[in-house]
Protein backbone atom coordinates (compact mmCIF):
# COMPACT_ATOMS: atom_id res chain seq x y z
CA UNK A 1 -24.93 16.77 0.75
CA UNK A 2 -27.71 14.30 -0.97
CA UNK A 3 -27.51 11.26 -2.93
CA UNK A 4 -27.68 12.90 -6.32
CA UNK A 5 -25.02 15.60 -5.17
CA UNK A 6 -22.28 12.76 -4.57
CA UNK A 7 -23.14 10.60 -7.92
CA UNK A 8 -21.84 14.16 -9.33
CA UNK A 9 -18.97 15.16 -7.63
CA UNK A 10 -17.72 11.28 -8.09
CA UNK A 11 -15.89 10.23 -11.19
CA UNK A 12 -18.68 7.88 -11.97
CA UNK A 13 -21.14 11.23 -12.90
CA UNK A 14 -22.28 12.39 -15.89
CA UNK A 15 -18.37 14.03 -16.19
CA UNK A 16 -16.60 10.52 -15.80
CA UNK A 17 -18.65 8.88 -19.11
CA UNK A 18 -15.86 9.05 -20.69
CA UNK A 19 -13.77 6.86 -18.64
CA UNK A 20 -15.88 4.27 -20.81
CA UNK A 21 -13.03 1.25 -21.24
CA UNK A 22 -12.94 -2.50 -20.96
CA UNK A 23 -13.22 -2.90 -17.43
CA UNK A 24 -16.23 -0.56 -16.89
CA UNK A 25 -17.79 -2.60 -19.96
CA UNK A 26 -17.60 -5.09 -17.88
CA UNK A 27 -19.26 -3.95 -14.63
CA UNK A 28 -22.31 -3.06 -16.76
CA UNK A 29 -22.01 -6.38 -17.73
CA UNK A 30 -22.36 -7.70 -14.29
CA UNK A 31 -18.82 -8.41 -14.59
CA UNK A 32 -16.52 -6.59 -12.05
CA UNK A 33 -13.20 -6.54 -12.57
CA UNK A 34 -12.32 -6.05 -8.89
CA UNK A 35 -12.59 -8.02 -5.98
CA UNK A 36 -14.37 -6.52 -2.45
CA UNK A 37 -14.61 -7.76 0.50
CA UNK A 38 -15.81 -7.23 4.50
CA UNK A 39 -12.77 -8.19 6.85
CA UNK A 40 -14.17 -6.92 10.18
CA UNK A 41 -14.65 -4.12 12.97
CA UNK A 42 -16.40 -2.31 9.02
CA UNK A 43 -12.61 -2.30 7.44
CA UNK A 44 -12.77 -3.87 3.62
CA UNK A 45 -10.78 -4.57 0.99
CA UNK A 46 -10.35 -3.65 -3.01
CA UNK A 47 -8.00 -5.48 -5.04
CA UNK A 48 -7.87 -5.09 -8.69
CA UNK A 49 -4.24 -3.08 -10.60
CA UNK A 50 -1.58 -2.11 -7.88
CA UNK A 51 -1.55 -2.55 -4.57
CA UNK A 52 -4.58 -3.58 -1.86
CA UNK A 53 -6.91 -0.58 -0.93
CA UNK A 54 -7.81 -0.77 2.77
CA UNK A 55 -11.70 1.17 3.16
CA UNK A 56 -13.96 2.26 6.18
CA UNK A 57 -17.33 3.59 6.20
CA UNK A 58 -18.46 5.12 9.14
CA UNK A 59 -20.98 7.84 10.09
CA UNK A 60 -18.48 10.48 9.71
CA UNK A 61 -17.67 9.54 6.02
CA UNK A 62 -15.16 6.87 4.31
CA UNK A 63 -11.76 6.77 4.52
CA UNK A 64 -9.30 4.88 2.29
CA UNK A 65 -5.58 3.36 2.78
CA UNK A 66 -3.97 3.50 -0.65
CA UNK A 67 -5.67 4.42 -4.32
CA UNK A 68 -3.96 1.93 -6.91
CA UNK A 69 -4.10 3.61 -10.05
CA UNK A 70 -7.15 6.20 -11.12
CA UNK A 71 -9.46 4.36 -12.91
CA UNK A 72 -9.37 1.62 -10.02
CA UNK A 73 -9.69 3.93 -7.37
CA UNK A 74 -12.84 5.28 -9.42
CA UNK A 75 -13.94 0.96 -9.80
CA UNK A 76 -13.49 1.88 -5.76
CA UNK A 77 -15.80 5.48 -5.29
CA UNK A 78 -18.05 4.19 -7.58
CA UNK A 79 -19.11 0.44 -5.60
CA UNK A 80 -19.08 2.30 -1.74
CA UNK A 81 -20.80 4.89 -3.96
CA UNK A 82 -23.35 1.80 -4.32
CA UNK A 83 -22.85 0.64 -1.01
CA UNK A 84 -23.91 3.67 1.50
CA UNK A 85 -26.79 3.23 3.91
CA UNK A 86 -27.12 6.57 3.74
CA UNK A 87 -24.88 9.78 1.97
CA UNK A 88 -21.96 10.84 5.10
CA UNK A 89 -23.26 14.15 6.28
CA UNK A 90 -19.85 16.08 5.28
CA UNK A 91 -19.89 18.17 1.74
CA UNK A 92 -16.87 16.05 1.11
CA UNK A 93 -17.26 12.43 1.44
CA UNK A 94 -13.91 10.39 2.50
CA UNK A 95 -12.75 11.80 5.08
CA UNK A 96 -9.56 10.48 5.42
CA UNK A 97 -7.41 9.23 2.35
CA UNK A 98 -3.75 7.78 3.46
CA UNK A 99 -1.34 6.59 1.50
CA UNK A 100 1.42 3.59 3.33
CA UNK A 101 3.79 5.15 0.93
CA UNK A 102 4.43 7.02 -2.70
CA UNK A 103 4.64 4.41 -5.48
CA UNK A 104 2.54 4.94 -8.35
CA UNK A 105 0.50 2.23 -7.24
CA UNK A 106 -0.60 2.70 -4.44
CA UNK A 107 -0.51 7.09 -4.52
CA UNK A 108 -1.32 7.34 -7.92
CA UNK A 109 -5.66 7.36 -7.43
CA UNK A 110 -5.03 10.21 -5.26
CA UNK A 111 -6.20 12.38 -8.25
CA UNK A 112 -9.34 10.48 -8.24
CA UNK A 113 -10.45 11.85 -4.68
CA UNK A 114 -9.44 15.55 -5.33
CA UNK A 115 -12.55 17.16 -4.23
CA UNK A 116 -13.77 14.09 -2.80
CA UNK A 117 -11.28 14.01 0.12
CA UNK A 118 -11.02 16.68 3.40
CA UNK A 119 -7.45 15.31 3.58
CA UNK A 120 -4.77 13.14 2.23
CA UNK A 121 -2.25 11.55 5.04
CA UNK A 122 0.89 9.92 4.79
CA UNK A 123 4.72 9.95 6.69
CA UNK A 124 6.62 12.94 5.56
CA UNK A 125 9.20 11.40 3.55
CA UNK A 126 6.15 9.80 1.63
CA UNK A 127 5.62 12.61 0.31
CA UNK A 128 9.11 14.51 -0.44
CA UNK A 129 9.58 11.31 -2.44
CA UNK A 130 6.12 11.66 -4.41
CA UNK A 131 6.70 14.87 -4.71
CA UNK A 132 10.34 14.72 -5.90
CA UNK A 133 8.98 11.32 -8.13
CA UNK A 134 6.25 13.51 -9.44
CA UNK A 135 8.41 16.68 -11.07
CA UNK A 136 11.22 14.21 -12.76
CA UNK A 137 8.37 13.04 -14.25
CA UNK A 138 6.89 16.05 -14.93
CA UNK A 139 3.89 15.30 -13.59
CA UNK A 140 3.21 17.25 -10.92
CA UNK A 141 -0.28 18.17 -12.31
CA UNK A 142 -1.45 14.35 -12.69
CA UNK A 143 -0.94 14.32 -8.57
CA UNK A 144 -2.45 15.25 -5.54
CA UNK A 145 0.29 15.57 -2.99
CA UNK A 146 -0.75 14.37 1.12
CA UNK A 147 -1.80 18.08 3.08
CA UNK A 148 -1.73 16.36 6.90
CA UNK A 149 1.97 14.77 6.81
CA UNK A 150 3.75 12.92 10.17
CA UNK A 151 7.16 12.15 11.53
CA UNK A 152 6.93 9.21 14.06
CA UNK A 153 2.65 8.58 14.21
CA UNK A 154 -0.16 10.36 13.32
CA UNK A 155 -3.78 9.64 14.95
CA UNK A 156 -7.42 10.16 13.13
CA UNK A 157 -10.48 9.34 14.33
CA UNK A 158 -14.14 8.06 12.33
CA UNK A 159 -17.33 7.59 13.85
CA UNK A 160 -16.12 4.66 16.24
CA UNK A 161 -13.05 3.74 15.29
CA UNK A 162 -9.14 5.74 15.67
CA UNK A 163 -7.04 4.95 12.97
CA UNK A 164 -2.95 5.25 13.78
CA UNK A 165 -0.08 5.49 11.46
CA UNK A 166 3.53 3.70 12.59
CA UNK A 167 6.71 4.76 10.85
CA UNK A 168 9.16 2.60 12.56
CA UNK A 169 12.28 3.38 9.93
CA UNK A 170 13.75 2.78 6.51
CA UNK A 171 12.36 -0.72 4.10
CA UNK A 172 11.34 -1.44 1.37
CA UNK A 173 11.41 3.14 0.96
CA UNK A 174 12.96 6.15 4.08
CA UNK A 175 8.70 6.15 4.19
CA UNK A 176 6.33 3.76 4.36
CA UNK A 177 3.77 2.98 6.86
CA UNK A 178 1.76 0.73 9.16
CA UNK A 179 -1.65 1.57 9.55
CA UNK A 180 -3.81 0.67 12.42
CA UNK A 181 -7.91 0.62 12.64
CA UNK A 182 -7.41 -0.33 16.07
CA UNK A 183 -10.73 -1.06 16.77
CA UNK A 184 -10.95 -3.66 14.38
CA UNK A 185 -7.67 -4.15 15.29
CA UNK A 186 -6.52 -4.32 11.20
CA UNK A 187 -3.39 -3.37 10.76
CA UNK A 188 -2.42 -2.28 6.51
CA UNK A 189 1.55 -2.76 5.78
CA UNK A 190 1.60 -1.19 2.04
CA UNK A 191 4.55 -2.37 1.51
CA UNK A 192 6.26 -3.34 4.05
CA UNK A 193 5.18 -7.04 3.18
CA UNK A 194 4.90 -8.87 0.27
CA UNK A 195 3.72 -12.01 0.98
CA UNK A 196 4.69 -14.74 -0.89
CA UNK A 197 6.83 -13.09 -3.31
CA UNK A 198 10.19 -11.51 -3.83
CA UNK A 199 9.30 -7.81 -2.50
CA UNK A 200 10.45 -4.36 -4.83
CA UNK A 201 13.60 -2.72 -3.08
CA UNK A 202 13.75 0.77 -4.25
CA UNK A 203 17.37 2.06 -2.76
CA UNK A 204 16.21 5.11 -4.59
CA UNK A 205 13.79 6.36 -1.60
CA UNK A 206 15.96 5.32 1.05
CA UNK A 207 14.63 1.57 1.12
CA UNK A 208 16.76 -0.24 3.27
CA UNK A 209 17.02 -4.14 4.35
CA UNK A 210 19.25 -4.15 7.03
CA UNK A 211 16.26 -1.17 8.60
CA UNK A 212 13.34 -3.31 7.17
CA UNK A 213 14.53 -6.57 9.54
CA UNK A 214 14.87 -4.41 12.37
CA UNK A 215 11.27 -2.88 11.62
CA UNK A 216 9.27 -5.78 11.28
CA UNK A 217 10.81 -7.22 14.09
CA UNK A 218 9.06 -3.62 15.80
CA UNK A 219 5.81 -4.27 14.60
CA UNK A 220 5.56 -7.86 15.68
CA UNK A 221 5.99 -6.60 18.80
CA UNK A 222 3.10 -3.42 18.12
CA UNK A 223 0.42 -4.92 17.92
CA UNK A 224 -1.13 -8.13 19.13
CA UNK A 225 -1.29 -11.69 18.50
CA UNK A 226 -5.15 -10.96 16.66
CA UNK A 227 -4.19 -8.52 14.41
CA UNK A 228 -5.23 -9.12 10.78
CA UNK A 229 -2.34 -7.98 8.19
CA UNK A 230 -3.25 -6.36 4.95
CA UNK A 231 -0.44 -6.80 2.99
CA UNK A 232 0.38 -4.99 -0.14
CA UNK A 233 1.16 -7.61 -2.82
CA UNK A 234 1.08 -11.46 -2.74
CA UNK A 235 2.14 -14.45 -5.23
CA UNK A 236 0.42 -16.16 -6.96
CA UNK A 237 -2.03 -18.42 -4.47
CA UNK A 238 -1.35 -16.60 -1.48
CA UNK A 239 -3.50 -14.07 0.36
CA UNK A 240 -3.42 -10.62 0.75
CA UNK A 241 -4.22 -10.46 4.40
CA UNK A 242 -2.77 -12.95 6.69
CA UNK A 243 -1.17 -12.64 10.31
CA UNK A 244 1.60 -12.32 12.63
CA UNK A 245 3.15 -15.18 11.51
CA UNK A 246 3.56 -13.88 8.24
CA UNK A 247 5.24 -10.70 9.04
CA UNK A 248 7.72 -13.10 11.24
CA UNK A 249 8.38 -15.42 8.07
CA UNK A 250 8.27 -12.09 5.84
CA UNK A 251 11.74 -11.02 7.99
CA UNK A 252 13.48 -14.91 7.49
CA UNK A 253 13.39 -14.35 4.07
CA UNK A 254 15.00 -10.88 4.21
CA UNK A 255 17.26 -11.86 6.55
CA UNK A 256 18.26 -15.39 5.15
CA UNK A 257 18.38 -13.03 1.29
CA UNK A 258 20.88 -10.00 3.08
CA UNK A 259 22.82 -13.47 4.94
CA UNK A 260 23.11 -15.01 1.26
CA UNK A 261 24.57 -12.17 -0.17
CA UNK A 262 27.04 -11.47 2.44
CA UNK A 263 27.74 -14.04 2.83
CA UNK A 264 28.71 -14.42 -1.28
CA UNK A 265 30.82 -11.90 -1.24
CA UNK A 266 32.72 -12.73 1.24
CA UNK A 267 33.63 -15.96 -1.03
CA UNK A 268 35.22 -12.75 -3.23
CA UNK A 269 31.84 -13.03 -6.08
CA UNK A 270 31.59 -9.67 -7.78
CA UNK A 271 28.06 -8.05 -8.21
CA UNK A 272 27.70 -9.67 -11.72
CA UNK A 273 28.06 -12.89 -10.46
CA UNK A 274 25.70 -12.35 -7.55
CA UNK A 275 22.74 -10.75 -9.40
CA UNK A 276 23.32 -13.42 -12.13
CA UNK A 277 21.82 -16.46 -9.54
CA UNK A 278 18.40 -17.72 -10.25
CA UNK A 279 17.64 -18.47 -6.23
CA UNK A 280 18.73 -18.69 -3.14
CA UNK A 281 20.39 -21.42 -1.72
CA UNK A 282 18.30 -20.87 2.04
CA UNK A 283 14.73 -23.02 1.84
CA UNK A 284 11.66 -20.59 1.00
CA UNK A 285 9.23 -19.95 -0.21
CA UNK A 286 9.76 -16.91 -1.93
CA UNK A 287 10.94 -17.74 -5.15
CA UNK A 288 10.20 -17.65 -9.12
CA UNK A 289 10.33 -13.85 -10.36
CA UNK A 290 11.24 -11.40 -8.57
CA UNK A 291 14.06 -12.43 -7.02
CA UNK A 292 17.10 -10.66 -8.95
CA UNK A 293 14.74 -7.28 -7.34
CA UNK A 294 16.13 -8.06 -4.53
CA UNK A 295 19.92 -9.43 -5.58
CA UNK A 296 20.07 -5.85 -7.16
CA UNK A 297 19.11 -3.95 -4.51
CA UNK A 298 21.60 -6.30 -1.52
CA UNK A 299 24.67 -5.65 -3.35
CA UNK A 300 24.01 -2.04 -3.39
CA UNK A 301 23.28 -1.65 0.31
CA UNK A 302 25.94 -4.01 1.40
CA UNK A 303 29.18 -2.35 -1.23
CA UNK A 304 29.94 -5.36 -3.83
CA UNK A 305 32.02 -4.11 -6.68
């Protein structure tokens, strides 16, 4: 594929002119509405609106982890297109589009890669959840579902890099994966880690705080002390990248939140009383808006009436 065809086949070719928006206008004024930065080993991250995207460029093509929303994916495609030294050899410049899980702020942008990517990859439960959600919202035509699914792990190659996906069990949903760029030693956690921000816990999609605590423990044993982590979301003033200590801190937060609600239940508090609590009584860097999401999920999981 030559550069001209690559441009024509992206959403920012001639057909993409209809997407002229305030964000695109900002780009034309050289004020990008997004942030991109390189990490190491050819892996970079993109943040704008939604869950953090990671990307890898090699001679074999581009691999992307998570896609935010269509507009954001189009911004990413445009930025990557401009950065290419030469077009990939494949007719489809994106080798892998990987979803850590099914939520729209991580997978709605798949549609932007529909004719550009060789494969869409996710855990089998993530695909199940994505299909179910799309059918309920009558948005099947607006989605691109994974054509490659796995149960425990999946491995793919791009250039000198090996990408391995791990499924350790339910957490944020029942279909979340950790994505490991092994040579660069970077792991995208998706929404299995909210850095200093109260997490969304999707009980309707099989989420479990009890399992999540165990999964994070497994992750800290699987990846080494030099691993760099990319998080799905972060609180104000905190980064979307971090280290093993951040996983351990989030695990401790979930454990304490679980124990707090269990203690309230044992004291005879009702679900209504517990979910009206404004702050946990333990020391934590997770505070402020969002606590109700956690309390509601734990009340449901622990069977508080």
